[in-house]
C-alpha atoms as a PDB file:
ATOM      1  CA  MET A   1    -111.079 -19.738  79.492  1.00  0.00           C
ATOM      2  CA  PHE A   2    -110.966 -21.183  76.070  1.00  0.00           C
ATOM      3  CA  LEU A   3    -112.730 -18.169  74.620  1.00  0.00           C
ATOM      4  CA  ARG A   4    -110.148 -15.824  76.135  1.00  0.00           C
ATOM      5  CA  VAL A   5    -107.307 -17.766  74.617  1.00  0.00           C
ATOM      6  CA  MET A   6    -108.962 -17.698  71.226  1.00  0.00           C
ATOM      7  CA  ALA A   7    -109.606 -13.980  71.499  1.00  0.00           C
ATOM      8  CA  VAL A   8    -105.950 -13.322  72.326  1.00  0.00           C
ATOM      9  CA  LEU A   9    -104.793 -15.464  69.412  1.00  0.00           C
ATOM     10  CA  LEU A  10    -107.157 -13.713  67.031  1.00  0.00           C
ATOM     11  CA  GLY A  11    -105.843 -10.363  68.229  1.00  0.00           C
ATOM     12  CA  VAL A  12    -102.254 -11.400  67.689  1.00  0.00           C
ATOM     13  CA  VAL A  13    -103.066 -12.726  64.221  1.00  0.00           C
ATOM     14  CA  GLY A  14    -104.889  -9.524  63.346  1.00  0.00           C
ATOM     15  CA  LEU A  15    -102.002  -7.320  64.459  1.00  0.00           C
ATOM     16  CA  ALA A  16     -99.591  -9.424  62.441  1.00  0.00           C
ATOM     17  CA  GLY A  17    -101.779  -9.093  59.368  1.00  0.00           C
ATOM     18  CA  LEU A  18    -102.043  -5.346  59.769  1.00  0.00           C
ATOM     19  CA  SER A  19     -98.245  -5.124  60.103  1.00  0.00           C
ATOM     20  CA  LEU A  20     -97.768  -7.042  56.887  1.00  0.00           C
ATOM     21  CA  VAL A  21    -100.252  -4.840  55.036  1.00  0.00           C
ATOM     22  CA  TYR A  22     -98.489  -1.714  56.351  1.00  0.00           C
ATOM     23  CA  LEU A  23     -95.085  -2.963  55.327  1.00  0.00           C
ATOM     24  CA  GLY A  24     -96.393  -3.852  51.852  1.00  0.00           C
ATOM     25  CA  MET A  25     -97.820  -0.363  51.366  1.00  0.00           C
ATOM     26  CA  ARG A  26     -94.563   1.435  52.234  1.00  0.00           C
ATOM     27  CA  GLU A  27     -92.503   2.767  49.235  1.00  0.00           C
ATOM     28  CA  PRO A  28     -89.140   1.126  48.694  1.00  0.00           C
ATOM     29  CA  ALA A  29     -86.167   3.133  49.862  1.00  0.00           C
ATOM     30  CA  PRO A  30     -84.791   5.287  47.034  1.00  0.00           C
ATOM     31  CA  VAL A  31     -81.681   3.917  45.387  1.00  0.00           C
ATOM     32  CA  ALA A  32     -78.756   6.303  45.494  1.00  0.00           C
ATOM     33  CA  GLU A  33     -78.354   7.967  42.130  1.00  0.00           C
ATOM     34  CA  ALA A  34     -75.251   6.988  40.225  1.00  0.00           C
ATOM     35  CA  ALA A  35     -72.570   9.621  40.122  1.00  0.00           C
ATOM     36  CA  ALA A  36     -73.004  11.868  37.082  1.00  0.00           C
ATOM     37  CA  ALA A  37     -70.553  11.018  34.232  1.00  0.00           C
ATOM     38  CA  PRO A  38     -68.083  13.796  33.390  1.00  0.00           C
ATOM     39  CA  ALA A  39     -69.068  15.878  30.343  1.00  0.00           C
ATOM     40  CA  PRO A  40     -66.989  15.140  27.220  1.00  0.00           C
ATOM     41  CA  PRO A  41     -64.422  17.833  26.368  1.00  0.00           C
ATOM     42  CA  ALA A  42     -65.589  20.479  23.903  1.00  0.00           C
ATOM     43  CA  ALA A  43     -64.536  19.780  20.296  1.00  0.00           C
ATOM     44  CA  LYS A  44     -61.746  21.952  18.886  1.00  0.00           C
ATOM     45  CA  ILE A  45     -61.273  23.116  15.300  1.00  0.00           C
ATOM     46  CA  SER A  46     -58.407  24.926  13.586  1.00  0.00           C
ATOM     47  CA  ILE A  47     -59.188  28.123  11.717  1.00  0.00           C
ATOM     48  CA  LEU A  48     -56.905  30.230   9.551  1.00  0.00           C
ATOM     49  CA  VAL A  49     -55.612  33.548  10.875  1.00  0.00           C
ATOM     50  CA  ALA A  50     -53.211  36.148   9.531  1.00  0.00           C
ATOM     51  CA  ALA A  51     -49.636  35.290  10.488  1.00  0.00           C
ATOM     52  CA  ARG A  52     -48.730  38.968  10.218  1.00  0.00           C
ATOM     53  CA  ALA A  53     -50.492  42.260   9.620  1.00  0.00           C
ATOM     54  CA  GLN A  54     -51.995  42.563   6.136  1.00  0.00           C
ATOM     55  CA  ARG A  55     -52.834  45.734   4.257  1.00  0.00           C
ATOM     56  CA  ALA A  56     -55.840  45.924   1.964  1.00  0.00           C
ATOM     57  CA  GLY A  57     -54.711  45.096  -1.574  1.00  0.00           C
ATOM     58  CA  ASN A  58     -51.919  42.693  -0.561  1.00  0.00           C
ATOM     59  CA  LEU A  59     -51.650  39.343  -2.291  1.00  0.00           C
ATOM     60  CA  MET A  60     -51.329  36.527   0.221  1.00  0.00           C
ATOM     61  CA  VAL A  61     -48.337  34.197   0.196  1.00  0.00           C
ATOM     62  CA  ALA A  62     -47.802  31.031   2.213  1.00  0.00           C
ATOM     63  CA  GLU A  63     -45.973  32.918   4.983  1.00  0.00           C
ATOM     64  CA  ASP A  64     -49.042  35.104   5.575  1.00  0.00           C
ATOM     65  CA  LEU A  65     -51.128  32.152   6.812  1.00  0.00           C
ATOM     66  CA  THR A  66     -51.185  30.358  10.142  1.00  0.00           C
ATOM     67  CA  SER A  67     -53.853  28.643  12.252  1.00  0.00           C
ATOM     68  CA  THR A  68     -55.258  28.695  15.750  1.00  0.00           C
ATOM     69  CA  GLU A  69     -57.521  26.307  17.681  1.00  0.00           C
ATOM     70  CA  VAL A  70     -60.936  27.439  18.917  1.00  0.00           C
ATOM     71  CA  THR A  71     -63.894  25.657  20.482  1.00  0.00           C
ATOM     72  CA  ALA A  72     -66.303  24.441  17.821  1.00  0.00           C
ATOM     73  CA  GLY A  73     -69.279  26.759  17.606  1.00  0.00           C
ATOM     74  CA  THR A  74     -67.438  29.789  18.949  1.00  0.00           C
ATOM     75  CA  GLU A  75     -65.553  30.656  15.740  1.00  0.00           C
ATOM     76  CA  PRO A  76     -66.544  33.925  13.993  1.00  0.00           C
ATOM     77  CA  PRO A  77     -69.100  33.475  11.196  1.00  0.00           C
ATOM     78  CA  GLY A  78     -67.364  32.924   7.875  1.00  0.00           C
ATOM     79  CA  SER A  79     -64.169  31.537   9.403  1.00  0.00           C
ATOM     80  CA  LEU A  80     -62.068  29.321   7.156  1.00  0.00           C
ATOM     81  CA  THR A  81     -61.151  25.881   8.458  1.00  0.00           C
ATOM     82  CA  ASP A  82     -57.473  25.096   8.101  1.00  0.00           C
ATOM     83  CA  SER A  83     -56.784  22.547   5.361  1.00  0.00           C
ATOM     84  CA  VAL A  84     -54.393  22.008   2.473  1.00  0.00           C
ATOM     85  CA  ASN A  85     -57.084  22.936  -0.056  1.00  0.00           C
ATOM     86  CA  THR A  86     -57.992  26.149   1.756  1.00  0.00           C
ATOM     87  CA  ARG A  87     -54.380  27.256   2.053  1.00  0.00           C
ATOM     88  CA  THR A  88     -53.816  26.546  -1.655  1.00  0.00           C
ATOM     89  CA  THR A  89     -56.879  28.604  -2.581  1.00  0.00           C
ATOM     90  CA  LEU A  90     -55.726  31.557  -0.472  1.00  0.00           C
ATOM     91  CA  ARG A  91     -52.256  31.701  -2.018  1.00  0.00           C
ATOM     92  CA  GLY A  92     -52.441  34.681  -4.346  1.00  0.00           C
ATOM     93  CA  ALA A  93     -55.802  35.876  -3.000  1.00  0.00           C
ATOM     94  CA  MET A  94     -56.160  39.633  -2.537  1.00  0.00           C
ATOM     95  CA  VAL A  95     -56.866  40.989   0.946  1.00  0.00           C
ATOM     96  CA  ARG A  96     -59.964  43.179   0.729  1.00  0.00           C
ATOM     97  CA  ARG A  97     -59.548  44.791   4.153  1.00  0.00           C
ATOM     98  CA  SER A  98     -56.605  45.316   6.471  1.00  0.00           C
ATOM     99  CA  LEU A  99     -56.018  42.475   8.937  1.00  0.00           C
ATOM    100  CA  ALA A 100     -54.126  42.523  12.219  1.00  0.00           C
ATOM    101  CA  ALA A 101     -51.727  39.744  13.141  1.00  0.00           C
ATOM    102  CA  ASN A 102     -53.588  36.643  14.437  1.00  0.00           C
ATOM    103  CA  GLU A 103     -56.923  38.017  13.248  1.00  0.00           C
ATOM    104  CA  PRO A 104     -59.227  35.325  11.786  1.00  0.00           C
ATOM    105  CA  ILE A 105     -59.500  35.357   8.004  1.00  0.00           C
ATOM    106  CA  LEU A 106     -63.134  35.352   6.925  1.00  0.00           C
ATOM    107  CA  ALA A 107     -64.524  34.274   3.570  1.00  0.00           C
ATOM    108  CA  GLY A 108     -65.451  37.852   2.698  1.00  0.00           C
ATOM    109  CA  ASP A 109     -61.989  39.208   3.523  1.00  0.00           C
ATOM    110  CA  VAL A 110     -60.323  37.909   0.352  1.00  0.00           C
ATOM    111  CA  LEU A 111     -60.870  38.029  -3.385  1.00  0.00           C
ATOM    112  CA  ASN A 112     -59.604  34.932  -5.162  1.00  0.00           C
ATOM    113  CA  ALA A 113     -57.902  34.768  -8.528  1.00  0.00           C
ATOM    114  CA  GLY A 114     -60.588  34.077 -11.109  1.00  0.00           C
ATOM    115  CA  ASP A 115     -63.257  36.048  -9.243  1.00  0.00           C
ATOM    116  CA  ARG A 116     -64.906  38.763 -11.269  1.00  0.00           C
ATOM    117  CA  GLY A 117     -62.939  42.003 -11.054  1.00  0.00           C
ATOM    118  CA  PHE A 118     -59.911  40.376  -9.408  1.00  0.00           C
ATOM    119  CA  LEU A 119     -57.295  41.726 -11.810  1.00  0.00           C
ATOM    120  CA  ALA A 120     -58.635  45.279 -11.808  1.00  0.00           C
ATOM    121  CA  ALA A 121     -59.015  45.288  -8.019  1.00  0.00           C
ATOM    122  CA  VAL A 122     -55.519  44.007  -7.341  1.00  0.00           C
ATOM    123  CA  LEU A 123     -53.765  46.673  -9.433  1.00  0.00           C
ATOM    124  CA  GLY A 124     -52.580  49.799  -7.679  1.00  0.00           C
ATOM    125  CA  ALA A 125     -53.570  53.259  -8.858  1.00  0.00           C
ATOM    126  CA  GLY A 126     -51.954  54.052 -12.206  1.00  0.00           C
ATOM    127  CA  MET A 127     -50.516  50.538 -12.537  1.00  0.00           C
ATOM    128  CA  ARG A 128     -50.878  48.083 -15.399  1.00  0.00           C
ATOM    129  CA  ALA A 129     -50.764  44.310 -15.777  1.00  0.00           C
ATOM    130  CA  VAL A 130     -48.267  42.897 -18.257  1.00  0.00           C
ATOM    131  CA  THR A 131     -47.677  39.231 -19.029  1.00  0.00           C
ATOM    132  CA  VAL A 132     -44.312  37.716 -19.885  1.00  0.00           C
ATOM    133  CA  GLY A 133     -43.593  34.277 -21.237  1.00  0.00           C
ATOM    134  CA  VAL A 134     -41.456  31.967 -19.132  1.00  0.00           C
ATOM    135  CA  ASP A 135     -40.409  28.335 -19.110  1.00  0.00           C
ATOM    136  CA  ALA A 136     -39.493  25.842 -16.397  1.00  0.00           C
ATOM    137  CA  VAL A 137     -36.093  27.503 -15.973  1.00  0.00           C
ATOM    138  CA  SER A 138     -36.762  31.201 -16.456  1.00  0.00           C
ATOM    139  CA  GLY A 139     -39.881  30.857 -14.276  1.00  0.00           C
ATOM    140  CA  THR A 140     -37.731  29.455 -11.424  1.00  0.00           C
ATOM    141  CA  ALA A 141     -39.101  25.932 -11.802  1.00  0.00           C
ATOM    142  CA  GLY A 142     -42.631  26.847 -10.775  1.00  0.00           C
ATOM    143  CA  LEU A 143     -41.622  28.306  -7.408  1.00  0.00           C
ATOM    144  CA  ILE A 144     -43.086  31.757  -8.142  1.00  0.00           C
ATOM    145  CA  TRP A 145     -46.550  32.473  -6.746  1.00  0.00           C
ATOM    146  CA  PRO A 146     -48.820  35.528  -6.849  1.00  0.00           C
ATOM    147  CA  GLY A 147     -47.728  37.995  -4.200  1.00  0.00           C
ATOM    148  CA  ASP A 148     -44.020  37.291  -4.662  1.00  0.00           C
ATOM    149  CA  ARG A 149     -41.705  40.096  -5.735  1.00  0.00           C
ATOM    150  CA  VAL A 150     -39.167  39.503  -8.449  1.00  0.00           C
ATOM    151  CA  ASP A 151     -36.435  41.158 -10.499  1.00  0.00           C
ATOM    152  CA  LEU A 152     -36.531  40.986 -14.288  1.00  0.00           C
ATOM    153  CA  VAL A 153     -33.285  39.956 -15.996  1.00  0.00           C
ATOM    154  CA  LEU A 154     -32.701  40.179 -19.752  1.00  0.00           C
ATOM    155  CA  THR A 155     -30.229  37.870 -21.489  1.00  0.00           C
ATOM    156  CA  GLN A 156     -29.505  38.578 -25.134  1.00  0.00           C
ATOM    157  CA  GLN A 157     -27.119  37.435 -27.822  1.00  0.00           C
ATOM    158  CA  ILE A 158     -25.735  40.100 -30.119  1.00  0.00           C
ATOM    159  CA  ASP A 159     -25.636  38.792 -33.679  1.00  0.00           C
ATOM    160  CA  ASP A 160     -22.517  40.570 -34.815  1.00  0.00           C
ATOM    161  CA  ARG A 161     -19.617  38.382 -35.908  1.00  0.00           C
ATOM    162  CA  GLU A 162     -17.279  41.343 -35.909  1.00  0.00           C
ATOM    163  CA  ARG A 163     -17.582  41.729 -32.154  1.00  0.00           C
ATOM    164  CA  PRO A 164     -15.150  39.823 -29.914  1.00  0.00           C
ATOM    165  CA  ALA A 165     -16.534  36.526 -28.645  1.00  0.00           C
ATOM    166  CA  ASP A 166     -16.542  37.775 -25.055  1.00  0.00           C
ATOM    167  CA  ARG A 167     -18.888  40.624 -26.001  1.00  0.00           C
ATOM    168  CA  ARG A 168     -21.588  38.754 -27.907  1.00  0.00           C
ATOM    169  CA  VAL A 169     -23.752  37.586 -24.984  1.00  0.00           C
ATOM    170  CA  SER A 170     -24.874  39.898 -22.189  1.00  0.00           C
ATOM    171  CA  GLY A 171     -27.118  39.889 -19.172  1.00  0.00           C
ATOM    172  CA  GLU A 172     -28.645  42.856 -17.329  1.00  0.00           C
ATOM    173  CA  THR A 173     -31.334  43.589 -14.769  1.00  0.00           C
ATOM    174  CA  VAL A 174     -34.103  45.546 -16.458  1.00  0.00           C
ATOM    175  CA  LEU A 175     -36.404  46.171 -13.465  1.00  0.00           C
ATOM    176  CA  THR A 176     -36.407  45.295  -9.787  1.00  0.00           C
ATOM    177  CA  ASN A 177     -39.108  44.761  -7.164  1.00  0.00           C
ATOM    178  CA  LEU A 178     -41.919  43.745  -9.507  1.00  0.00           C
ATOM    179  CA  ARG A 179     -45.026  42.259  -7.917  1.00  0.00           C
ATOM    180  CA  VAL A 180     -46.383  39.018  -9.371  1.00  0.00           C
ATOM    181  CA  ILE A 181     -50.173  39.104  -9.605  1.00  0.00           C
ATOM    182  CA  ALA A 182     -50.947  35.940 -11.582  1.00  0.00           C
ATOM    183  CA  VAL A 183     -49.211  32.754 -12.661  1.00  0.00           C
ATOM    184  CA  ASP A 184     -50.695  31.040 -15.694  1.00  0.00           C
ATOM    185  CA  GLN A 185     -54.395  30.504 -16.320  1.00  0.00           C
ATOM    186  CA  GLN A 186     -54.098  27.105 -14.633  1.00  0.00           C
ATOM    187  CA  LEU A 187     -53.608  28.771 -11.256  1.00  0.00           C
ATOM    188  CA  VAL A 188     -56.773  30.808 -11.751  1.00  0.00           C
ATOM    189  CA  GLU A 189     -58.764  27.675 -12.503  1.00  0.00           C
ATOM    190  CA  GLY A 190     -57.256  25.919  -9.492  1.00  0.00           C
ATOM    191  CA  GLY A 191     -58.204  28.849  -7.303  1.00  0.00           C
ATOM    192  CA  GLN A 192     -61.805  28.572  -8.425  1.00  0.00           C
ATOM    193  CA  THR A 193     -62.089  24.865  -7.730  1.00  0.00           C
ATOM    194  CA  GLY A 194     -60.133  24.975  -4.495  1.00  0.00           C
ATOM    195  CA  GLN A 195     -58.020  22.005  -5.553  1.00  0.00           C
ATOM    196  CA  PRO A 196     -54.246  21.978  -5.103  1.00  0.00           C
ATOM    197  CA  VAL A 197     -52.475  22.847  -8.325  1.00  0.00           C
ATOM    198  CA  SER A 198     -48.938  22.465  -9.544  1.00  0.00           C
ATOM    199  CA  ASN A 199     -47.342  25.380 -11.309  1.00  0.00           C
ATOM    200  CA  THR A 200     -44.139  23.586 -12.253  1.00  0.00           C
ATOM    201  CA  ASN A 201     -44.918  24.105 -15.962  1.00  0.00           C
ATOM    202  CA  ASN A 202     -45.554  27.838 -15.920  1.00  0.00           C
ATOM    203  CA  ARG A 203     -45.863  29.396 -19.364  1.00  0.00           C
ATOM    204  CA  THR A 204     -46.838  32.957 -18.433  1.00  0.00           C
ATOM    205  CA  VAL A 205     -46.419  35.212 -15.435  1.00  0.00           C
ATOM    206  CA  THR A 206     -48.426  38.431 -15.064  1.00  0.00           C
ATOM    207  CA  ILE A 207     -46.736  41.239 -13.167  1.00  0.00           C
ATOM    208  CA  GLU A 208     -47.744  44.706 -12.033  1.00  0.00           C
ATOM    209  CA  ALA A 209     -45.862  47.653 -13.500  1.00  0.00           C
ATOM    210  CA  SER A 210     -46.239  51.306 -14.355  1.00  0.00           C
ATOM    211  CA  LEU A 211     -47.055  52.381 -17.895  1.00  0.00           C
ATOM    212  CA  ASP A 212     -43.419  53.243 -18.638  1.00  0.00           C
ATOM    213  CA  ASP A 213     -42.215  49.963 -17.165  1.00  0.00           C
ATOM    214  CA  THR A 214     -44.656  47.927 -19.257  1.00  0.00           C
ATOM    215  CA  GLN A 215     -43.029  49.440 -22.340  1.00  0.00           C
ATOM    216  CA  ARG A 216     -39.595  48.490 -21.014  1.00  0.00           C
ATOM    217  CA  ILE A 217     -40.766  44.931 -20.416  1.00  0.00           C
ATOM    218  CA  THR A 218     -42.353  44.653 -23.856  1.00  0.00           C
ATOM    219  CA  VAL A 219     -39.191  45.847 -25.593  1.00  0.00           C
ATOM    220  CA  ALA A 220     -37.008  43.592 -23.436  1.00  0.00           C
ATOM    221  CA  ALA A 221     -39.119  40.605 -24.445  1.00  0.00           C
ATOM    222  CA  ARG A 222     -38.275  41.297 -28.098  1.00  0.00           C
ATOM    223  CA  LEU A 223     -34.562  41.723 -27.452  1.00  0.00           C
ATOM    224  CA  GLY A 224     -33.874  38.389 -25.798  1.00  0.00           C
ATOM    225  CA  LYS A 225     -34.836  35.971 -23.064  1.00  0.00           C
ATOM    226  CA  LEU A 226     -36.449  37.221 -19.855  1.00  0.00           C
ATOM    227  CA  SER A 227     -35.866  35.500 -16.530  1.00  0.00           C
ATOM    228  CA  LEU A 228     -37.563  36.152 -13.197  1.00  0.00           C
ATOM    229  CA  VAL A 229     -35.444  36.257 -10.042  1.00  0.00           C
ATOM    230  CA  ILE A 230     -37.207  35.898  -6.682  1.00  0.00           C
ATOM    231  CA  ARG A 231     -36.294  38.576  -4.173  1.00  0.00           C
ATOM    232  CA  SER A 232     -35.477  37.960  -0.517  1.00  0.00           C
ATOM    233  CA  ALA A 233     -38.327  38.452   1.945  1.00  0.00           C
ATOM    234  CA  THR A 234     -36.079  40.884   3.834  1.00  0.00           C
ATOM    235  CA  ASP A 235     -35.626  42.979   0.699  1.00  0.00           C
ATOM    236  CA  ASN A 236     -39.379  42.993   0.135  1.00  0.00           C
ATOM    237  CA  GLN A 237     -40.089  44.323   3.617  1.00  0.00           C
ATOM    238  CA  SER A 238     -37.655  47.201   3.175  1.00  0.00           C
ATOM    239  CA  ALA A 239     -38.632  47.972  -0.420  1.00  0.00           C
ATOM    240  CA  ALA A 240     -40.761  50.962  -1.275  1.00  0.00           C
ATOM    241  CA  GLY A 241     -43.318  48.716  -2.928  1.00  0.00           C
ATOM    242  CA  SER A 242     -42.898  49.751  -6.565  1.00  0.00           C
ATOM    243  CA  ALA A 243     -40.748  48.512  -9.400  1.00  0.00           C
ATOM    244  CA  THR A 244     -37.632  50.531 -10.126  1.00  0.00           C
ATOM    245  CA  PRO A 245     -35.013  50.319 -12.871  1.00  0.00           C
ATOM    246  CA  PRO A 246     -31.439  50.189 -11.549  1.00  0.00           C
ATOM    247  CA  ALA A 247     -29.818  53.638 -11.596  1.00  0.00           C
ATOM    248  CA  HIS A 248     -26.777  52.292 -13.440  1.00  0.00           C
ATOM    249  CA  PRO A 249     -27.663  48.764 -14.516  1.00  0.00           C
ATOM    250  CA  PRO A 250     -24.487  46.682 -14.607  1.00  0.00           C
ATOM    251  CA  ILE A 251     -24.006  44.549 -17.672  1.00  0.00           C
ATOM    252  CA  THR A 252     -22.504  41.106 -17.358  1.00  0.00           C
ATOM    253  CA  TRP A 253     -20.761  40.027 -20.533  1.00  0.00           C
ATOM    254  CA  ALA A 254     -19.909  36.525 -21.610  1.00  0.00           C
ATOM    255  CA  GLY A 255     -16.244  37.268 -20.971  1.00  0.00           C
ATOM    256  CA  ASP A 256     -17.060  38.180 -17.341  1.00  0.00           C
ATOM    257  CA  VAL A 257     -18.421  34.687 -16.833  1.00  0.00           C
ATOM    258  CA  SER A 258     -16.000  32.656 -18.914  1.00  0.00           C
ATOM    259  CA  PRO A 259     -12.334  33.737 -18.801  1.00  0.00           C
ATOM    260  CA  ALA A 260     -11.728  31.439 -21.765  1.00  0.00           C
ATOM    261  CA  LEU A 261     -13.546  33.913 -23.998  1.00  0.00           C
ATOM    262  CA  ARG A 262     -11.205  36.661 -22.835  1.00  0.00           C
ATOM    263  CA  ASP A 263      -8.070  34.772 -23.783  1.00  0.00           C
ATOM    264  CA  THR A 264      -5.925  37.307 -25.604  1.00  0.00           C
ATOM    265  CA  LYS A 265      -4.730  34.662 -28.031  1.00  0.00           C
ATOM    266  CA  THR A 266      -8.229  34.023 -29.283  1.00  0.00           C
ATOM    267  CA  SER A 267     -10.484  36.918 -28.385  1.00  0.00           C
ATOM    268  CA  GLY A 268      -8.506  39.389 -30.457  1.00  0.00           C
ATOM    269  CA  ARG A 269      -9.030  37.264 -33.572  1.00  0.00           C
ATOM    270  CA  ALA A 270     -12.588  36.245 -32.687  1.00  0.00           C
ATOM    271  CA  GLY A 271     -14.825  37.464 -35.408  1.00  0.00           C
ATOM    272  CA  ALA A 272     -11.947  38.947 -37.422  1.00  0.00           C
ATOM    273  CA  SER A 273     -12.485  39.200 -41.160  1.00  0.00           C
ATOM    274  CA  ILE A 274     -10.971  40.682 -44.304  1.00  0.00           C
ATOM    275  CA  HIS A 275     -12.627  41.881 -47.484  1.00  0.00           C
ATOM    276  CA  LEU A 276     -11.114  40.742 -50.754  1.00  0.00           C
ATOM    277  CA  TYR A 277     -11.994  42.998 -53.685  1.00  0.00           C
ATOM    278  CA  ARG A 278     -11.930  41.126 -56.993  1.00  0.00           C
ATOM    279  CA  GLY A 279     -13.253  43.923 -59.099  1.00  0.00           C
ATOM    280  CA  PRO A 280     -16.134  46.389 -59.284  1.00  0.00           C
ATOM    281  CA  GLY A 281     -19.102  45.003 -57.355  1.00  0.00           C
ATOM    282  CA  THR A 282     -17.252  41.833 -56.396  1.00  0.00           C
ATOM    283  CA  VAL A 283     -16.233  41.625 -52.750  1.00  0.00           C
ATOM    284  CA  ASP A 284     -15.467  38.425 -50.864  1.00  0.00           C
ATOM    285  CA  GLU A 285     -15.442  38.370 -47.069  1.00  0.00           C
ATOM    286  CA  ILE A 286     -13.095  35.946 -45.395  1.00  0.00           C
ATOM    287  CA  ARG A 287     -13.621  35.282 -41.682  1.00  0.00           C
ATOM    288  CA  PHE A 288     -11.109  33.776 -39.277  1.00  0.00           C
END
């Protein structure tokens, strides 16, 4: 009887041991995987595009540039990232191929001022480049940039004391719709370095003109002071694209500006003189 009890106990102990071994050999239940974290949003960059259609040979102005956002890595090769420096460098750059509105501007699409062959490439067929001297006032306080279109105004003083006072200073428009192609050498250097430049102290402005018009400009520069007048963007869009002298250039005289010079009590005597003959070869001139 005792042996049976012992045998039963040994059997129970053995089964318990086998159960423990079995449980120890089982793999732990897999832990539920953590929910996948959402992917970070794709990075965006701003690239420069043409704000409006551009023809090959145009000189870019600030209004020709705008930007658009694209996913980083998807931008066309050679795209230009939008920045102050890049926009400054592109002002006055020549468009080498025609661009549609909102088309990305690539590095090879423009020729910058200072690049080899820039001046020759930017000139139209049969056109010439002529440089005129300006100052802070006649150069419109540094607000003229390559690509702008201007009118050329001549102001001169007639050195003739016998003329009435209201007819000694005159102003007239020599040429209209001239295209500016360069502003000072400083702008060229700034374009090469890509750094923002200030053209508030312009000394020279180079404009595009025909051979006949360059002669007009050269003569006008000897006659008096030349001033550049910026044209409206609306006028530029409707213009034929070439400089033209006014058919009947109006002349503005000093008396047209200042009624005081046209005062009949003074203008009639302005510059009046008499010659007093004292003998052969002796003449005195008395001015009033």
